[in-house]
N, C-alpha and C. Protein backbone atom coordinates (compact mmCIF):
# COMPACT_ATOMS: atom_id res chain seq x y z
N MET A 1 -3.26 -50.56 -21.09
CA MET A 1 -1.95 -49.90 -21.55
C MET A 1 -1.54 -48.92 -20.48
N ARG A 2 -0.49 -49.02 -20.04
CA ARG A 2 0.24 -48.19 -18.99
C ARG A 2 0.92 -46.92 -19.54
N ARG A 3 0.61 -45.83 -19.05
CA ARG A 3 1.27 -44.51 -19.58
C ARG A 3 2.39 -44.12 -18.46
N THR A 4 3.39 -43.77 -19.04
CA THR A 4 4.59 -43.37 -18.18
C THR A 4 4.70 -41.84 -18.13
N PRO A 5 5.29 -41.25 -17.11
CA PRO A 5 5.27 -39.78 -17.13
C PRO A 5 6.00 -39.21 -18.32
N GLY A 6 6.80 -39.91 -18.94
CA GLY A 6 7.53 -39.38 -20.15
C GLY A 6 6.56 -39.36 -21.28
N THR A 7 5.60 -40.30 -21.46
CA THR A 7 4.55 -40.32 -22.45
C THR A 7 3.73 -39.15 -22.33
N LEU A 8 3.39 -38.90 -21.14
CA LEU A 8 2.33 -37.72 -20.89
C LEU A 8 3.15 -36.27 -21.13
N THR A 9 4.44 -36.28 -20.84
CA THR A 9 5.17 -35.03 -21.25
C THR A 9 5.19 -34.90 -22.75
N VAL A 10 5.46 -36.08 -23.53
CA VAL A 10 5.54 -35.92 -25.01
C VAL A 10 4.16 -35.42 -25.51
N LEU A 11 3.03 -36.05 -25.00
CA LEU A 11 1.66 -35.71 -25.36
C LEU A 11 1.43 -34.32 -25.27
N ALA A 12 1.86 -33.72 -24.02
CA ALA A 12 1.63 -32.19 -23.68
C ALA A 12 2.42 -31.41 -24.55
N LEU A 13 3.66 -31.70 -24.89
CA LEU A 13 4.44 -30.99 -25.87
C LEU A 13 3.78 -31.05 -27.28
N LEU A 14 3.37 -32.04 -27.62
CA LEU A 14 2.86 -32.36 -28.93
C LEU A 14 1.51 -31.41 -28.98
N LEU A 15 0.69 -31.29 -28.02
CA LEU A 15 -0.53 -30.48 -27.88
C LEU A 15 -0.27 -28.99 -27.99
N VAL A 16 0.74 -28.63 -27.35
CA VAL A 16 1.29 -27.23 -27.33
C VAL A 16 1.81 -26.84 -28.66
N THR A 17 2.57 -27.71 -29.39
CA THR A 17 3.07 -27.34 -30.63
C THR A 17 2.01 -27.23 -31.67
N VAL A 18 0.96 -28.12 -31.65
CA VAL A 18 -0.16 -28.07 -32.57
C VAL A 18 -1.00 -26.78 -32.37
N ILE A 19 -1.26 -26.37 -31.18
CA ILE A 19 -1.86 -25.01 -30.83
C ILE A 19 -1.10 -23.81 -31.33
N PHE A 20 0.28 -23.94 -31.24
CA PHE A 20 1.14 -22.79 -31.53
C PHE A 20 1.11 -22.74 -33.14
N ILE A 21 1.27 -23.93 -33.74
CA ILE A 21 1.15 -23.87 -35.33
C ILE A 21 -0.12 -23.31 -35.80
N GLN A 22 -1.27 -23.68 -35.16
CA GLN A 22 -2.58 -23.17 -35.64
C GLN A 22 -2.69 -21.58 -35.36
N GLN A 23 -2.16 -21.15 -34.22
CA GLN A 23 -2.10 -19.75 -34.03
C GLN A 23 -1.21 -18.98 -35.03
N GLU A 24 -0.15 -19.55 -35.25
CA GLU A 24 0.82 -18.91 -36.02
C GLU A 24 0.24 -18.69 -37.44
N GLY A 25 -0.59 -19.57 -38.05
CA GLY A 25 -1.22 -19.39 -39.37
C GLY A 25 -2.42 -18.62 -39.46
N SER A 26 -3.03 -18.28 -38.28
CA SER A 26 -4.24 -17.41 -38.28
C SER A 26 -3.89 -16.05 -38.28
N GLU A 27 -4.90 -15.26 -38.70
CA GLU A 27 -4.58 -13.74 -38.85
C GLU A 27 -4.79 -12.92 -37.56
N THR A 28 -5.59 -13.66 -36.78
CA THR A 28 -5.97 -12.95 -35.46
C THR A 28 -4.88 -13.16 -34.35
N GLN A 29 -4.53 -12.29 -33.63
CA GLN A 29 -3.43 -12.39 -32.53
C GLN A 29 -4.18 -12.76 -31.33
N VAL A 30 -3.59 -13.77 -30.62
CA VAL A 30 -4.13 -14.12 -29.29
C VAL A 30 -3.54 -13.30 -28.23
N PRO A 31 -4.38 -12.45 -27.42
CA PRO A 31 -3.65 -11.58 -26.37
C PRO A 31 -2.90 -12.51 -25.43
N PRO A 32 -1.93 -11.91 -24.78
CA PRO A 32 -1.07 -12.72 -23.80
C PRO A 32 -2.07 -13.06 -22.49
N VAL A 33 -1.83 -14.07 -21.90
CA VAL A 33 -2.50 -14.48 -20.69
C VAL A 33 -2.25 -13.50 -19.58
N PHE A 34 -0.96 -13.09 -19.30
CA PHE A 34 -0.58 -12.39 -18.24
C PHE A 34 -0.19 -11.05 -18.75
N VAL A 35 -0.76 -9.99 -18.30
CA VAL A 35 -0.39 -8.47 -18.75
C VAL A 35 0.11 -7.91 -17.45
N SER A 36 1.30 -7.33 -17.52
CA SER A 36 1.92 -6.56 -16.30
C SER A 36 1.63 -5.00 -16.52
N SER A 37 1.09 -4.39 -15.48
CA SER A 37 0.77 -3.05 -15.47
C SER A 37 1.81 -2.22 -14.59
N SER A 38 2.10 -1.15 -15.29
CA SER A 38 3.19 -0.31 -14.52
C SER A 38 2.32 0.65 -13.58
N VAL A 39 1.10 0.82 -13.68
CA VAL A 39 0.37 1.63 -12.77
C VAL A 39 0.28 1.19 -11.36
N GLN A 40 0.73 1.99 -10.44
CA GLN A 40 0.68 1.59 -9.05
C GLN A 40 -0.50 2.04 -8.40
N PRO A 41 -1.30 1.14 -7.70
CA PRO A 41 -2.39 1.61 -7.03
C PRO A 41 -2.21 2.61 -5.95
N ILE A 42 -3.21 3.33 -5.65
CA ILE A 42 -3.12 4.34 -4.57
C ILE A 42 -3.97 3.76 -3.43
N TYR A 43 -3.50 3.70 -2.27
CA TYR A 43 -4.21 3.18 -1.18
C TYR A 43 -4.31 4.22 -0.04
N VAL A 44 -5.70 4.24 0.46
CA VAL A 44 -6.01 5.06 1.51
C VAL A 44 -6.89 4.40 2.44
N GLU A 45 -6.55 4.52 3.66
CA GLU A 45 -7.37 3.74 4.81
C GLU A 45 -8.47 4.77 5.25
N LEU A 46 -9.62 4.41 5.45
CA LEU A 46 -10.64 5.20 5.97
C LEU A 46 -11.06 4.38 7.21
N CYS A 47 -11.33 5.24 8.28
CA CYS A 47 -11.78 4.67 9.63
C CYS A 47 -12.81 5.77 10.23
N GLY A 48 -13.58 5.26 11.02
CA GLY A 48 -14.58 6.06 11.72
C GLY A 48 -16.03 5.64 11.59
N PRO A 49 -16.94 6.04 12.45
CA PRO A 49 -18.30 5.70 12.46
C PRO A 49 -19.29 6.14 11.34
N LEU A 50 -18.75 7.02 10.33
CA LEU A 50 -19.62 7.43 9.34
C LEU A 50 -19.34 6.83 8.06
N LEU A 51 -18.65 5.68 8.10
CA LEU A 51 -18.48 4.66 6.91
C LEU A 51 -19.77 3.97 6.66
N SER A 52 -19.96 3.61 5.45
CA SER A 52 -21.16 2.86 5.00
C SER A 52 -21.14 1.38 5.65
N GLN A 53 -20.05 0.70 5.70
CA GLN A 53 -20.14 -0.64 5.98
C GLN A 53 -19.28 -1.09 7.20
N GLN A 54 -18.15 -0.46 7.43
CA GLN A 54 -17.47 -1.06 8.46
C GLN A 54 -16.71 0.17 9.25
N ASP A 55 -16.09 -0.30 10.30
CA ASP A 55 -15.09 0.85 10.95
C ASP A 55 -13.87 1.31 10.35
N SER A 56 -13.47 0.30 9.41
CA SER A 56 -12.20 0.63 8.95
C SER A 56 -12.12 -0.20 7.61
N CYS A 57 -11.55 0.58 6.48
CA CYS A 57 -11.46 -0.14 5.15
C CYS A 57 -10.24 0.52 4.47
N VAL A 58 -9.66 -0.18 3.56
CA VAL A 58 -8.65 0.39 2.67
C VAL A 58 -9.25 0.45 1.34
N ILE A 59 -9.04 1.65 0.68
CA ILE A 59 -9.64 1.79 -0.61
C ILE A 59 -8.47 1.99 -1.51
N ALA A 60 -8.54 1.27 -2.70
CA ALA A 60 -7.51 1.28 -3.72
C ALA A 60 -8.04 1.69 -4.92
N ALA A 61 -7.28 2.51 -5.64
CA ALA A 61 -7.63 3.20 -6.96
C ALA A 61 -6.44 3.26 -7.71
N THR A 62 -6.47 3.46 -9.10
CA THR A 62 -5.45 3.66 -9.86
C THR A 62 -5.19 5.16 -10.30
N SER A 63 -6.16 6.04 -9.98
CA SER A 63 -6.05 7.51 -10.10
C SER A 63 -6.59 8.15 -8.92
N MET A 64 -6.10 9.43 -8.79
CA MET A 64 -6.68 10.22 -7.58
C MET A 64 -8.08 10.48 -7.72
N GLU A 65 -8.54 10.73 -8.98
CA GLU A 65 -9.89 11.09 -9.20
C GLU A 65 -10.82 9.96 -8.82
N SER A 66 -10.39 8.68 -9.17
CA SER A 66 -11.15 7.46 -8.83
C SER A 66 -11.14 7.27 -7.36
N LEU A 67 -10.02 7.59 -6.65
CA LEU A 67 -9.87 7.26 -5.26
C LEU A 67 -10.82 8.28 -4.50
N LYS A 68 -10.85 9.55 -4.91
CA LYS A 68 -11.55 10.50 -4.17
C LYS A 68 -13.19 10.10 -4.45
N SER A 69 -13.58 9.61 -5.49
CA SER A 69 -14.89 9.17 -5.79
C SER A 69 -15.27 8.08 -4.84
N LYS A 70 -14.40 7.19 -4.66
CA LYS A 70 -14.64 5.99 -3.89
C LYS A 70 -14.79 6.36 -2.36
N ILE A 71 -13.86 7.38 -1.99
CA ILE A 71 -14.01 7.77 -0.65
C ILE A 71 -15.26 8.40 -0.24
N ILE A 72 -15.68 9.35 -1.22
CA ILE A 72 -17.07 9.94 -1.05
C ILE A 72 -18.17 8.98 -0.97
N GLN A 73 -18.08 7.90 -1.65
CA GLN A 73 -19.23 6.84 -1.79
C GLN A 73 -19.13 6.07 -0.39
N SER A 74 -17.94 5.99 0.18
CA SER A 74 -17.86 5.26 1.51
C SER A 74 -18.59 5.91 2.74
N ILE A 75 -18.89 7.19 2.61
CA ILE A 75 -19.51 8.13 3.53
C ILE A 75 -21.03 7.72 3.73
N GLU A 76 -21.43 7.43 4.88
CA GLU A 76 -22.85 6.86 5.13
C GLU A 76 -23.82 7.89 4.76
N MET A 77 -23.63 9.15 5.40
CA MET A 77 -24.76 10.13 5.43
C MET A 77 -24.47 11.08 4.26
N GLN A 78 -25.54 11.28 3.41
CA GLN A 78 -25.47 12.00 2.26
C GLN A 78 -25.10 13.38 2.41
N GLU A 79 -25.63 14.12 3.48
CA GLU A 79 -25.14 15.48 3.83
C GLU A 79 -23.73 15.63 4.07
N LEU A 80 -23.07 14.60 4.45
CA LEU A 80 -21.63 14.65 4.68
C LEU A 80 -20.78 14.36 3.51
N ARG A 81 -21.33 13.97 2.37
CA ARG A 81 -20.57 13.55 1.27
C ARG A 81 -20.22 14.77 0.67
N SER A 82 -20.94 15.83 0.58
CA SER A 82 -20.52 17.17 -0.11
C SER A 82 -19.47 17.77 0.74
N LEU A 83 -19.52 17.67 2.03
CA LEU A 83 -18.44 18.16 2.82
C LEU A 83 -17.21 17.50 2.69
N MET A 84 -17.18 16.16 2.55
CA MET A 84 -15.94 15.38 2.23
C MET A 84 -15.38 15.77 0.89
N SER A 85 -16.24 15.99 -0.07
CA SER A 85 -15.85 16.29 -1.45
C SER A 85 -14.93 17.66 -1.34
N CYS A 86 -15.55 18.69 -0.61
CA CYS A 86 -14.81 19.98 -0.31
C CYS A 86 -13.49 19.71 0.38
N TRP A 87 -13.54 18.87 1.16
CA TRP A 87 -12.36 18.57 2.07
C TRP A 87 -11.28 17.95 1.08
N LEU A 88 -11.63 17.07 0.28
CA LEU A 88 -10.77 16.29 -0.61
C LEU A 88 -10.18 17.29 -1.60
N ALA A 89 -11.04 18.22 -2.15
CA ALA A 89 -10.56 19.28 -3.02
C ALA A 89 -9.52 20.16 -2.36
N ALA A 90 -9.56 20.34 -1.06
CA ALA A 90 -8.60 21.25 -0.48
C ALA A 90 -7.36 20.63 0.14
N HIS A 91 -7.28 19.32 0.00
CA HIS A 91 -6.22 18.53 0.55
C HIS A 91 -5.57 17.48 -0.35
N GLN A 92 -4.31 17.47 -0.34
CA GLN A 92 -3.59 16.45 -1.13
C GLN A 92 -3.55 15.14 -0.40
N LEU A 93 -3.81 14.04 -1.00
CA LEU A 93 -3.73 12.84 -0.34
C LEU A 93 -2.56 12.12 -1.14
N SER A 94 -2.02 11.06 -0.32
CA SER A 94 -0.97 10.22 -1.02
C SER A 94 -1.18 8.78 -0.50
N SER A 95 -0.71 7.85 -1.23
CA SER A 95 -0.71 6.44 -0.88
C SER A 95 -0.23 6.23 0.43
N GLY A 96 -1.02 5.53 1.23
CA GLY A 96 -0.62 5.28 2.62
C GLY A 96 -1.23 6.16 3.70
N ASN A 97 -2.04 6.99 3.23
CA ASN A 97 -2.73 8.10 4.15
C ASN A 97 -3.84 7.16 4.98
N ARG A 98 -4.22 7.73 6.12
CA ARG A 98 -5.26 7.29 6.93
C ARG A 98 -6.07 8.34 7.30
N LEU A 99 -7.44 8.24 6.84
CA LEU A 99 -8.35 9.38 7.13
C LEU A 99 -9.25 8.83 8.23
N SER A 100 -9.36 9.44 9.33
CA SER A 100 -10.25 9.27 10.47
C SER A 100 -11.40 10.23 10.32
N ILE A 101 -12.59 9.74 9.99
CA ILE A 101 -13.83 10.48 9.76
C ILE A 101 -14.71 10.47 10.83
N GLY A 102 -15.21 11.55 11.32
CA GLY A 102 -16.23 11.47 12.33
C GLY A 102 -16.88 12.86 12.57
N LYS A 103 -17.63 13.01 13.62
CA LYS A 103 -18.34 14.24 13.88
C LYS A 103 -17.68 14.84 15.16
N SER A 104 -17.67 16.22 15.16
CA SER A 104 -17.22 16.89 16.27
C SER A 104 -18.38 17.03 17.44
N ALA A 105 -18.00 17.67 18.45
CA ALA A 105 -19.03 17.84 19.41
C ALA A 105 -20.22 18.74 18.85
N ALA A 106 -19.85 19.57 17.84
CA ALA A 106 -20.78 20.69 17.28
C ALA A 106 -21.44 19.99 15.96
N HIS A 107 -21.31 18.61 16.00
CA HIS A 107 -21.87 17.97 14.69
C HIS A 107 -21.29 18.25 13.44
N ASN A 108 -20.05 18.87 13.34
CA ASN A 108 -19.40 19.11 12.14
C ASN A 108 -18.50 17.98 11.75
N LEU A 109 -18.31 17.85 10.46
CA LEU A 109 -17.46 16.79 9.89
C LEU A 109 -15.99 17.04 10.37
N GLN A 110 -15.50 15.98 10.94
CA GLN A 110 -14.04 16.16 11.46
C GLN A 110 -13.26 15.00 10.92
N ILE A 111 -12.14 15.48 10.16
CA ILE A 111 -11.30 14.59 9.44
C ILE A 111 -9.82 14.73 9.85
N GLU A 112 -9.30 13.65 10.24
CA GLU A 112 -7.85 13.77 10.66
C GLU A 112 -7.18 12.83 9.71
N CYS A 113 -6.06 13.33 9.15
CA CYS A 113 -5.26 12.60 8.11
C CYS A 113 -3.88 12.33 8.70
N ALA A 114 -3.50 11.08 8.79
CA ALA A 114 -2.28 10.61 9.18
C ALA A 114 -1.71 9.59 8.33
N PHE A 115 -0.79 8.84 8.75
CA PHE A 115 -0.39 7.57 7.89
C PHE A 115 -0.87 6.40 8.46
N MET A 116 -1.03 5.41 7.56
CA MET A 116 -1.48 4.09 7.94
C MET A 116 -0.25 3.43 8.86
N ALA A 117 -0.59 2.51 9.71
CA ALA A 117 0.48 1.89 10.36
C ALA A 117 1.57 1.25 9.49
N ALA A 118 2.74 1.16 9.70
CA ALA A 118 3.77 0.64 8.90
C ALA A 118 3.53 -0.68 8.54
N ALA A 119 2.92 -1.62 9.44
CA ALA A 119 2.65 -2.99 8.96
C ALA A 119 1.68 -3.09 7.81
N LYS A 120 0.66 -2.27 7.78
CA LYS A 120 -0.27 -2.13 6.65
C LYS A 120 0.41 -1.58 5.40
N ARG A 121 1.28 -0.54 5.49
CA ARG A 121 2.00 0.04 4.36
C ARG A 121 2.94 -1.09 3.75
N ILE A 122 3.53 -1.86 4.67
CA ILE A 122 4.51 -2.96 4.28
C ILE A 122 3.63 -3.99 3.49
N THR A 123 2.61 -4.33 3.99
CA THR A 123 1.70 -5.44 3.34
C THR A 123 1.37 -4.96 1.99
N LEU A 124 0.93 -3.57 1.86
CA LEU A 124 0.45 -2.99 0.62
C LEU A 124 1.52 -2.59 -0.42
N ASP A 125 2.76 -2.83 0.11
CA ASP A 125 3.91 -2.39 -0.81
C ASP A 125 4.09 -0.92 -0.94
N ILE A 126 3.71 -0.14 0.12
CA ILE A 126 3.91 1.30 0.08
C ILE A 126 5.15 1.72 0.80
N PRO A 127 5.96 2.37 0.14
CA PRO A 127 7.19 2.72 0.80
C PRO A 127 7.11 3.55 2.07
N LEU A 128 7.94 3.31 2.95
CA LEU A 128 8.00 3.95 4.21
C LEU A 128 8.82 5.21 4.17
N HIS A 129 8.59 6.16 5.18
CA HIS A 129 9.62 7.34 5.20
C HIS A 129 10.07 7.34 6.64
N PRO A 130 11.20 7.44 6.97
CA PRO A 130 11.67 7.45 8.44
C PRO A 130 11.29 8.66 9.18
N ASP A 131 10.86 9.65 8.59
CA ASP A 131 10.19 10.72 9.37
C ASP A 131 8.73 10.74 9.66
N HIS A 132 8.17 9.73 9.17
CA HIS A 132 6.72 9.61 9.25
C HIS A 132 6.29 8.26 10.25
N MET A 133 7.28 7.90 10.98
CA MET A 133 7.13 6.58 11.63
C MET A 133 7.08 6.80 13.24
N THR A 134 6.23 5.96 13.74
CA THR A 134 6.07 5.88 15.12
C THR A 134 7.05 4.79 15.86
N GLN A 135 7.16 4.70 17.08
CA GLN A 135 7.95 3.74 17.63
C GLN A 135 7.36 2.31 17.20
N LEU A 136 6.05 2.17 17.28
CA LEU A 136 5.42 0.86 16.90
C LEU A 136 5.72 0.59 15.43
N ASP A 137 5.65 1.63 14.63
CA ASP A 137 5.95 1.39 13.19
C ASP A 137 7.21 0.87 13.04
N TRP A 138 8.17 1.28 13.75
CA TRP A 138 9.77 0.85 13.59
C TRP A 138 9.82 -0.67 14.06
N GLN A 139 9.00 -1.02 15.14
CA GLN A 139 8.97 -2.21 15.56
C GLN A 139 8.34 -3.36 14.53
N ALA A 140 7.56 -2.91 13.70
CA ALA A 140 7.11 -3.60 12.52
C ALA A 140 8.21 -4.14 11.52
N LEU A 141 9.23 -3.51 11.63
CA LEU A 141 10.26 -3.86 10.50
C LEU A 141 11.10 -5.14 11.22
N PRO A 142 11.65 -5.91 10.30
CA PRO A 142 12.32 -7.03 10.76
C PRO A 142 13.74 -6.59 11.25
N GLY A 143 14.13 -7.11 12.59
CA GLY A 143 15.38 -6.78 13.02
C GLY A 143 15.29 -5.49 13.79
N VAL A 144 14.07 -4.87 13.99
CA VAL A 144 14.06 -3.68 14.90
C VAL A 144 13.14 -3.98 16.03
N GLY A 145 13.68 -4.09 17.17
CA GLY A 145 12.96 -4.49 18.34
C GLY A 145 12.56 -3.24 19.09
N GLU A 146 11.97 -3.40 20.39
CA GLU A 146 11.52 -2.30 21.14
C GLU A 146 12.47 -1.24 21.47
N LYS A 147 13.65 -1.87 21.90
CA LYS A 147 14.83 -0.97 22.38
C LYS A 147 15.18 -0.10 21.11
N LEU A 148 15.51 -0.77 19.97
CA LEU A 148 16.06 0.04 18.81
C LEU A 148 15.13 1.06 18.41
N ALA A 149 13.87 0.49 18.36
CA ALA A 149 12.76 1.55 17.93
C ALA A 149 12.63 2.70 18.69
N ALA A 150 12.88 2.53 20.11
CA ALA A 150 12.84 3.63 20.97
C ALA A 150 14.02 4.68 20.77
N THR A 151 15.24 4.01 20.51
CA THR A 151 16.43 4.68 20.25
C THR A 151 16.16 5.57 19.02
N ILE A 152 15.64 5.08 17.96
CA ILE A 152 15.44 5.74 16.69
C ILE A 152 14.38 7.02 16.85
N THR A 153 13.28 6.66 17.56
CA THR A 153 12.38 7.83 17.78
C THR A 153 12.98 8.91 18.74
N ALA A 154 13.77 8.45 19.75
CA ALA A 154 14.40 9.45 20.53
C ALA A 154 15.38 10.27 19.77
N ASP A 155 16.20 9.70 18.92
CA ASP A 155 17.14 10.35 18.13
C ASP A 155 16.51 11.42 17.23
N ARG A 156 15.32 11.12 16.63
CA ARG A 156 14.59 11.96 15.69
C ARG A 156 14.03 13.10 16.55
N SER A 157 13.61 12.82 17.84
CA SER A 157 13.08 13.94 18.70
C SER A 157 14.25 14.89 18.99
N SER A 158 15.32 14.28 19.34
CA SER A 158 16.55 15.12 19.76
C SER A 158 17.16 15.91 18.60
N TYR A 159 17.39 15.20 17.55
CA TYR A 159 18.26 15.99 16.45
C TYR A 159 17.43 16.19 15.29
N GLY A 160 16.19 15.93 15.13
CA GLY A 160 15.36 16.31 13.98
C GLY A 160 15.23 15.30 12.94
N ASP A 161 14.50 15.54 11.86
CA ASP A 161 14.11 14.60 10.89
C ASP A 161 15.43 14.00 10.23
N PHE A 162 15.19 12.79 9.78
CA PHE A 162 16.38 12.02 9.09
C PHE A 162 16.38 12.47 7.64
N GLY A 163 15.30 12.84 6.95
CA GLY A 163 15.40 13.24 5.64
C GLY A 163 15.36 12.09 4.55
N SER A 164 16.09 11.17 4.93
CA SER A 164 16.16 9.95 4.08
C SER A 164 16.58 8.73 4.88
N ILE A 165 16.34 7.53 4.49
CA ILE A 165 16.81 6.33 5.12
C ILE A 165 18.41 6.16 5.50
N SER A 166 19.20 6.86 4.60
CA SER A 166 20.63 6.83 4.71
C SER A 166 21.05 7.53 6.08
N ALA A 167 20.28 8.52 6.55
CA ALA A 167 20.63 9.25 7.79
C ALA A 167 20.47 8.45 8.97
N LEU A 168 19.74 7.27 8.86
CA LEU A 168 19.63 6.37 10.04
C LEU A 168 20.89 5.85 10.55
N THR A 169 22.10 6.04 9.85
CA THR A 169 23.39 5.54 10.40
C THR A 169 23.89 6.39 11.54
N ARG A 170 23.17 7.42 11.84
CA ARG A 170 23.59 8.34 12.99
C ARG A 170 23.03 7.69 14.26
N VAL A 171 22.10 6.78 14.17
CA VAL A 171 21.42 6.22 15.33
C VAL A 171 22.37 5.00 15.79
N ARG A 172 22.55 5.00 17.03
CA ARG A 172 23.33 3.94 17.59
C ARG A 172 22.56 2.65 17.60
N GLY A 173 23.23 1.60 16.89
CA GLY A 173 22.53 0.50 16.68
C GLY A 173 22.18 0.13 15.27
N ILE A 174 22.22 1.17 14.29
CA ILE A 174 21.91 0.91 12.94
C ILE A 174 23.35 0.97 12.21
N SER A 175 23.79 -0.25 11.89
CA SER A 175 25.00 -0.42 11.09
C SER A 175 24.58 -0.35 9.58
N ASP A 176 25.71 -0.24 8.86
CA ASP A 176 25.47 -0.37 7.38
C ASP A 176 24.77 -1.65 6.88
N LYS A 177 24.99 -2.81 7.67
CA LYS A 177 24.47 -4.01 7.40
C LYS A 177 23.04 -3.94 7.73
N LYS A 178 22.66 -3.45 8.74
CA LYS A 178 21.25 -3.39 9.22
C LYS A 178 20.47 -2.32 8.31
N LEU A 179 21.16 -1.31 7.86
CA LEU A 179 20.60 -0.32 6.92
C LEU A 179 20.15 -0.93 5.56
N LEU A 180 21.11 -1.77 5.19
CA LEU A 180 20.92 -2.59 3.88
C LEU A 180 19.66 -3.36 4.01
N LYS A 181 19.49 -4.00 5.22
CA LYS A 181 18.30 -4.96 5.29
C LYS A 181 16.99 -4.16 5.24
N LEU A 182 17.01 -2.86 5.85
CA LEU A 182 15.85 -2.03 6.04
C LEU A 182 15.58 -1.28 4.81
N ARG A 183 16.47 -1.07 3.97
CA ARG A 183 16.32 -0.23 2.60
C ARG A 183 15.20 -0.63 1.87
N PRO A 184 14.80 -1.84 1.70
CA PRO A 184 13.84 -2.21 0.73
C PRO A 184 12.41 -1.72 1.06
N TYR A 185 12.38 -1.52 2.42
CA TYR A 185 11.02 -0.99 2.94
C TYR A 185 10.82 0.51 2.71
N PHE A 186 11.89 1.14 2.32
CA PHE A 186 11.70 2.75 2.17
C PHE A 186 11.89 3.13 0.74
């Protein structure tokens, strides 16, 4: 006996209908298969020789408390964990930060906080800010080449921060059309 694609479709629909009818009559609710969460993860990149496993890693968490705990656990040397804990208590982190962790010449914990490269922030769906971008960051955006990136960073150096993505129209080479294409990244 040969089965046609239509026969298989009818059998599949029949099976789904039977399952649906059985669930409808039962008193227990079947949880949905896909659950959407509105909680945005917080991402922080750690780099430096004092990390437990590698020279660079991105840590994700759904709360700042959990993020700080994961950062402390990433420090290889036990005596530096308490120092990192104090540093984290005194500084505010945000998603997209990059912490460079090392030792100074005097063997003190040295932490530098900056932003991840724009390409990483784009991949992780972290909004960019026009005042926190380098020339290389601008080049990571579609439609922004080396020349336009240099023009944007020169404009910010000469005339000050943009404040928002909308202010980019003051830069020669940024039309309303190009701004519209860049806006989803900010």
